[in-house]
Structure formats: structure tokens, C-alpha cells
Amino acid sequence: MHASSKITIQAPPQRVFEFTSELLKWPEHLPHYRFITPREDGTVKMACWRGFVPISWVSKHEVDPTKREQHFTHLKAWTKGMVVVWTYEERADGGTDVTIIHDLKFRVPALAFLIEPIIGHGFIDPVANKTLATFKRLLEAE
């Protein structure tokens, strides 16, 4: 499964990157995020709402300020093994194109044809699009 979400935010790339990469502040900014808890092993437990459905997962999170990228590797739950990359591209008008790429090869290949579309269209796309839209609203209001 490969999913891509993209939005243009009318704010400088460095500001967008800094704001969105403050992972532990996401629940303050994103009403659909229930919590993000750092764990002793350096990973984070993340939880949000998909409509009225609570979902959670454990991720390794890395920020690369030189490339202006965020990387997540999902380590548990239905999305175990999924790799997520956030990129930030400067636009000629001074704004920023933010793209989130989700790549998942479901760990039970025989069920992938059934599970991957549910995970992708039912959960990943709605949560990622809501996250990007909320960040856009907040950053453009500054």
C-alpha cells in the first residue's frame, strides 16, 4: 500500500517544518490526536481518533533538520512495518508543499489485498488529511 497526502501551506518551509516536527505538541494543536507518549526505549506511543474510532500505534520518530524531513516507522499494531516520510518543499510564492508518504506491506501477504485498502482509505488518508488541514489552518493564522 502506498498512500500520499499533500497540502500547500502559505508559510515559510522552515517555520512549517519546525512547527509540525514538534511531535509531543501535536495533541495541543490537533484535536483528533488523543495523546503522544514517549517511551523508555526511545519510541513513542501515538493515539488519535478516526471519527469515533480510537486508534493507536507505536512508532520510532526521527527528525532530519538538514533535509527538512520527518520519518516514522510503525513498530506495533495493524500498521507494523509501515514507513512514513514527511517532506517540505519551498514554493516560488514562499509557501510550502507538505507531503506525507505512507508505505506499508501488510505482514500477512494473503490478507494484504483486503487489509491494505481498509487501512489506507479508512484510516490513513482521513487522519493524514485532517492533520495537514489543521496544521495549515494554524500556521496560516500566525
C-alpha atoms as a PDB file:
ATOM      1  CA  MET A   1       0.000   0.000   0.000  1.00  0.00           C
ATOM      2  CA  HIS A   2       1.273   3.416  -0.934  1.00  0.00           C
ATOM      3  CA  ALA A   3      -0.643   6.496   0.202  1.00  0.00           C
ATOM      4  CA  SER A   4       0.234  10.114  -0.382  1.00  0.00           C
ATOM      5  CA  SER A   5      -1.286  13.232   1.166  1.00  0.00           C
ATOM      6  CA  LYS A   6      -0.242  16.742   0.190  1.00  0.00           C
ATOM      7  CA  ILE A   7      -1.163  20.299   1.101  1.00  0.00           C
ATOM      8  CA  THR A   8       0.167  23.783   0.409  1.00  0.00           C
ATOM      9  CA  ILE A   9       0.700  25.980   3.451  1.00  0.00           C
ATOM     10  CA  GLN A  10       1.312  29.695   2.960  1.00  0.00           C
ATOM     11  CA  ALA A  11       4.200  29.914   5.417  1.00  0.00           C
ATOM     12  CA  PRO A  12       7.985  29.554   5.058  1.00  0.00           C
ATOM     13  CA  PRO A  13       9.272  25.953   4.915  1.00  0.00           C
ATOM     14  CA  GLN A  14      11.489  26.274   7.982  1.00  0.00           C
ATOM     15  CA  ARG A  15       8.572  27.516  10.111  1.00  0.00           C
ATOM     16  CA  VAL A  16       6.281  24.761   8.826  1.00  0.00           C
ATOM     17  CA  PHE A  17       8.945  22.126   9.462  1.00  0.00           C
ATOM     18  CA  GLU A  18       9.697  23.353  12.985  1.00  0.00           C
ATOM     19  CA  PHE A  19       6.024  23.575  13.960  1.00  0.00           C
ATOM     20  CA  THR A  20       4.997  20.201  12.564  1.00  0.00           C
ATOM     21  CA  SER A  21       8.047  18.326  13.818  1.00  0.00           C
ATOM     22  CA  GLU A  22       7.323  19.159  17.474  1.00  0.00           C
ATOM     23  CA  LEU A  23       5.698  15.775  17.872  1.00  0.00           C
ATOM     24  CA  LEU A  24       4.894  15.951  21.577  1.00  0.00           C
ATOM     25  CA  LYS A  25       2.877  19.141  20.957  1.00  0.00           C
ATOM     26  CA  TRP A  26       0.616  17.520  18.362  1.00  0.00           C
ATOM     27  CA  PRO A  27      -2.191  16.791  20.850  1.00  0.00           C
ATOM     28  CA  GLU A  28      -2.221  20.505  21.788  1.00  0.00           C
ATOM     29  CA  HIS A  29      -2.647  21.501  18.139  1.00  0.00           C
ATOM     30  CA  LEU A  30      -4.545  18.572  16.654  1.00  0.00           C
ATOM     31  CA  PRO A  31      -7.924  17.862  18.304  1.00  0.00           C
ATOM     32  CA  HIS A  32      -8.113  14.387  16.724  1.00  0.00           C
ATOM     33  CA  TYR A  33      -4.890  13.309  18.480  1.00  0.00           C
ATOM     34  CA  ARG A  34      -5.611  11.793  21.896  1.00  0.00           C
ATOM     35  CA  PHE A  35      -2.017  11.563  23.120  1.00  0.00           C
ATOM     36  CA  ILE A  36       1.614  11.041  22.185  1.00  0.00           C
ATOM     37  CA  THR A  37       3.667   9.447  24.932  1.00  0.00           C
ATOM     38  CA  PRO A  38       7.438   8.983  24.845  1.00  0.00           C
ATOM     39  CA  ARG A  39       8.558   5.519  25.944  1.00  0.00           C
ATOM     40  CA  GLU A  40      11.736   4.448  27.710  1.00  0.00           C
ATOM     41  CA  ASP A  41      13.047   2.692  24.586  1.00  0.00           C
ATOM     42  CA  GLY A  42      13.060   5.952  22.594  1.00  0.00           C
ATOM     43  CA  THR A  43       9.836   5.213  20.706  1.00  0.00           C
ATOM     44  CA  VAL A  44       6.501   6.993  21.058  1.00  0.00           C
ATOM     45  CA  LYS A  45       3.013   5.657  21.578  1.00  0.00           C
ATOM     46  CA  MET A  46       0.638   7.684  19.426  1.00  0.00           C
ATOM     47  CA  ALA A  47      -3.147   7.718  19.562  1.00  0.00           C
ATOM     48  CA  CYS A  48      -5.826   9.583  17.681  1.00  0.00           C
ATOM     49  CA  TRP A  49      -9.467   9.413  16.685  1.00  0.00           C
ATOM     50  CA  ARG A  50     -10.699   8.309  13.272  1.00  0.00           C
ATOM     51  CA  GLY A  51     -14.210   9.626  13.608  1.00  0.00           C
ATOM     52  CA  PHE A  52     -15.435   7.904  16.752  1.00  0.00           C
ATOM     53  CA  VAL A  53     -12.930   5.029  16.474  1.00  0.00           C
ATOM     54  CA  PRO A  54      -9.873   5.258  18.744  1.00  0.00           C
ATOM     55  CA  ILE A  55      -6.651   4.063  17.117  1.00  0.00           C
ATOM     56  CA  SER A  56      -3.120   3.803  18.478  1.00  0.00           C
ATOM     57  CA  TRP A  57       0.307   2.589  17.427  1.00  0.00           C
ATOM     58  CA  VAL A  58       3.952   2.685  18.471  1.00  0.00           C
ATOM     59  CA  SER A  59       6.485   4.444  16.252  1.00  0.00           C
ATOM     60  CA  LYS A  60      10.100   5.284  16.007  1.00  0.00           C
ATOM     61  CA  HIS A  61      10.251   9.005  15.133  1.00  0.00           C
ATOM     62  CA  GLU A  62      13.259  10.736  13.622  1.00  0.00           C
ATOM     63  CA  VAL A  63      13.638  14.324  12.528  1.00  0.00           C
ATOM     64  CA  ASP A  64      16.230  15.243   9.905  1.00  0.00           C
ATOM     65  CA  PRO A  65      16.641  19.043  10.040  1.00  0.00           C
ATOM     66  CA  THR A  66      19.281  19.090   7.279  1.00  0.00           C
ATOM     67  CA  LYS A  67      16.845  17.559   4.771  1.00  0.00           C
ATOM     68  CA  ARG A  68      13.743  19.016   6.445  1.00  0.00           C
ATOM     69  CA  GLU A  69      12.146  15.585   6.800  1.00  0.00           C
ATOM     70  CA  GLN A  70      10.337  13.594   9.431  1.00  0.00           C
ATOM     71  CA  HIS A  71      10.446   9.799   9.444  1.00  0.00           C
ATOM     72  CA  PHE A  72       8.190   7.392  11.297  1.00  0.00           C
ATOM     73  CA  THR A  73       8.480   3.614  11.427  1.00  0.00           C
ATOM     74  CA  HIS A  74       5.441   1.874  12.893  1.00  0.00           C
ATOM     75  CA  LEU A  75       6.502  -0.904  15.230  1.00  0.00           C
ATOM     76  CA  LYS A  76       3.222  -2.326  16.548  1.00  0.00           C
ATOM     77  CA  ALA A  77      -0.460  -2.755  15.764  1.00  0.00           C
ATOM     78  CA  TRP A  78      -2.097  -3.166  12.340  1.00  0.00           C
ATOM     79  CA  THR A  79       0.392  -0.832  10.683  1.00  0.00           C
ATOM     80  CA  LYS A  80       3.510  -2.611  11.955  1.00  0.00           C
ATOM     81  CA  GLY A  81       6.284  -2.126   9.392  1.00  0.00           C
ATOM     82  CA  MET A  82       4.777   0.981   7.805  1.00  0.00           C
ATOM     83  CA  VAL A  83       7.244   3.710   6.882  1.00  0.00           C
ATOM     84  CA  VAL A  84       6.022   7.309   6.857  1.00  0.00           C
ATOM     85  CA  VAL A  85       8.004  10.244   5.444  1.00  0.00           C
ATOM     86  CA  TRP A  86       7.078  13.915   5.696  1.00  0.00           C
ATOM     87  CA  THR A  87       8.760  16.273   3.206  1.00  0.00           C
ATOM     88  CA  TYR A  88       8.666  20.064   2.906  1.00  0.00           C
ATOM     89  CA  GLU A  89       9.239  21.818  -0.418  1.00  0.00           C
ATOM     90  CA  GLU A  90       9.577  25.549  -0.795  1.00  0.00           C
ATOM     91  CA  ARG A  91       7.302  27.101  -3.394  1.00  0.00           C
ATOM     92  CA  ALA A  92       8.127  30.066  -5.604  1.00  0.00           C
ATOM     93  CA  ASP A  93       5.456  32.094  -3.753  1.00  0.00           C
ATOM     94  CA  GLY A  94       7.221  31.499  -0.405  1.00  0.00           C
ATOM     95  CA  GLY A  95       4.771  28.864   0.759  1.00  0.00           C
ATOM     96  CA  THR A  96       5.455  25.222   1.466  1.00  0.00           C
ATOM     97  CA  ASP A  97       4.213  21.994  -0.083  1.00  0.00           C
ATOM     98  CA  VAL A  98       3.995  19.389   2.669  1.00  0.00           C
ATOM     99  CA  THR A  99       3.752  15.770   1.554  1.00  0.00           C
ATOM    100  CA  ILE A 100       3.215  12.708   3.714  1.00  0.00           C
ATOM    101  CA  ILE A 101       4.035   9.340   2.134  1.00  0.00           C
ATOM    102  CA  HIS A 102       2.861   6.121   3.826  1.00  0.00           C
ATOM    103  CA  ASP A 103       4.284   2.795   2.610  1.00  0.00           C
ATOM    104  CA  LEU A 104       3.042  -0.485   4.058  1.00  0.00           C
ATOM    105  CA  LYS A 105       3.458  -4.100   3.066  1.00  0.00           C
ATOM    106  CA  PHE A 106       0.982  -5.842   5.322  1.00  0.00           C
ATOM    107  CA  ARG A 107       2.757  -8.562   7.279  1.00  0.00           C
ATOM    108  CA  VAL A 108       0.241 -11.260   6.294  1.00  0.00           C
ATOM    109  CA  PRO A 109       0.559 -11.257   2.473  1.00  0.00           C
ATOM    110  CA  ALA A 110      -2.543 -13.412   1.944  1.00  0.00           C
ATOM    111  CA  LEU A 111      -4.693 -10.728   3.629  1.00  0.00           C
ATOM    112  CA  ALA A 112      -2.936  -7.672   2.185  1.00  0.00           C
ATOM    113  CA  PHE A 113      -5.448  -7.264  -0.673  1.00  0.00           C
ATOM    114  CA  LEU A 114      -8.217  -6.897   1.925  1.00  0.00           C
ATOM    115  CA  ILE A 115      -6.496  -5.090   4.798  1.00  0.00           C
ATOM    116  CA  GLU A 116      -4.326  -2.533   2.972  1.00  0.00           C
ATOM    117  CA  PRO A 117      -7.259  -0.638   1.358  1.00  0.00           C
ATOM    118  CA  ILE A 118      -9.096  -0.548   4.685  1.00  0.00           C
ATOM    119  CA  ILE A 119      -6.048   0.793   6.496  1.00  0.00           C
ATOM    120  CA  GLY A 120      -5.160   3.202   3.669  1.00  0.00           C
ATOM    121  CA  HIS A 121      -8.541   4.649   2.725  1.00  0.00           C
ATOM    122  CA  GLY A 122     -10.332   4.042   6.008  1.00  0.00           C
ATOM    123  CA  PHE A 123      -7.740   5.308   8.432  1.00  0.00           C
ATOM    124  CA  ILE A 124      -4.500   6.722   6.999  1.00  0.00           C
ATOM    125  CA  ASP A 125      -5.965   9.081   4.373  1.00  0.00           C
ATOM    126  CA  PRO A 126      -8.587  10.660   6.673  1.00  0.00           C
ATOM    127  CA  VAL A 127      -6.183  11.121   9.606  1.00  0.00           C
ATOM    128  CA  ALA A 128      -3.315  12.448   7.449  1.00  0.00           C
ATOM    129  CA  ASN A 129      -5.586  14.863   5.570  1.00  0.00           C
ATOM    130  CA  LYS A 130      -7.133  16.147   8.808  1.00  0.00           C
ATOM    131  CA  THR A 131      -3.648  16.573  10.303  1.00  0.00           C
ATOM    132  CA  LEU A 132      -2.401  18.554   7.294  1.00  0.00           C
ATOM    133  CA  ALA A 133      -5.542  20.712   7.118  1.00  0.00           C
ATOM    134  CA  THR A 134      -5.278  21.576  10.810  1.00  0.00           C
ATOM    135  CA  PHE A 135      -1.588  22.466  10.541  1.00  0.00           C
ATOM    136  CA  LYS A 136      -2.409  24.626   7.503  1.00  0.00           C
ATOM    137  CA  ARG A 137      -5.108  26.495   9.394  1.00  0.00           C
ATOM    138  CA  LEU A 138      -2.874  27.083  12.429  1.00  0.00           C
ATOM    139  CA  LEU A 139       0.228  28.149  10.522  1.00  0.00           C
ATOM    140  CA  GLU A 140      -1.609  30.449   8.117  1.00  0.00           C
ATOM    141  CA  ALA A 141      -3.328  32.153  11.075  1.00  0.00           C
ATOM    142  CA  GLU A 142       0.010  33.150  12.640  1.00  0.00           C
END
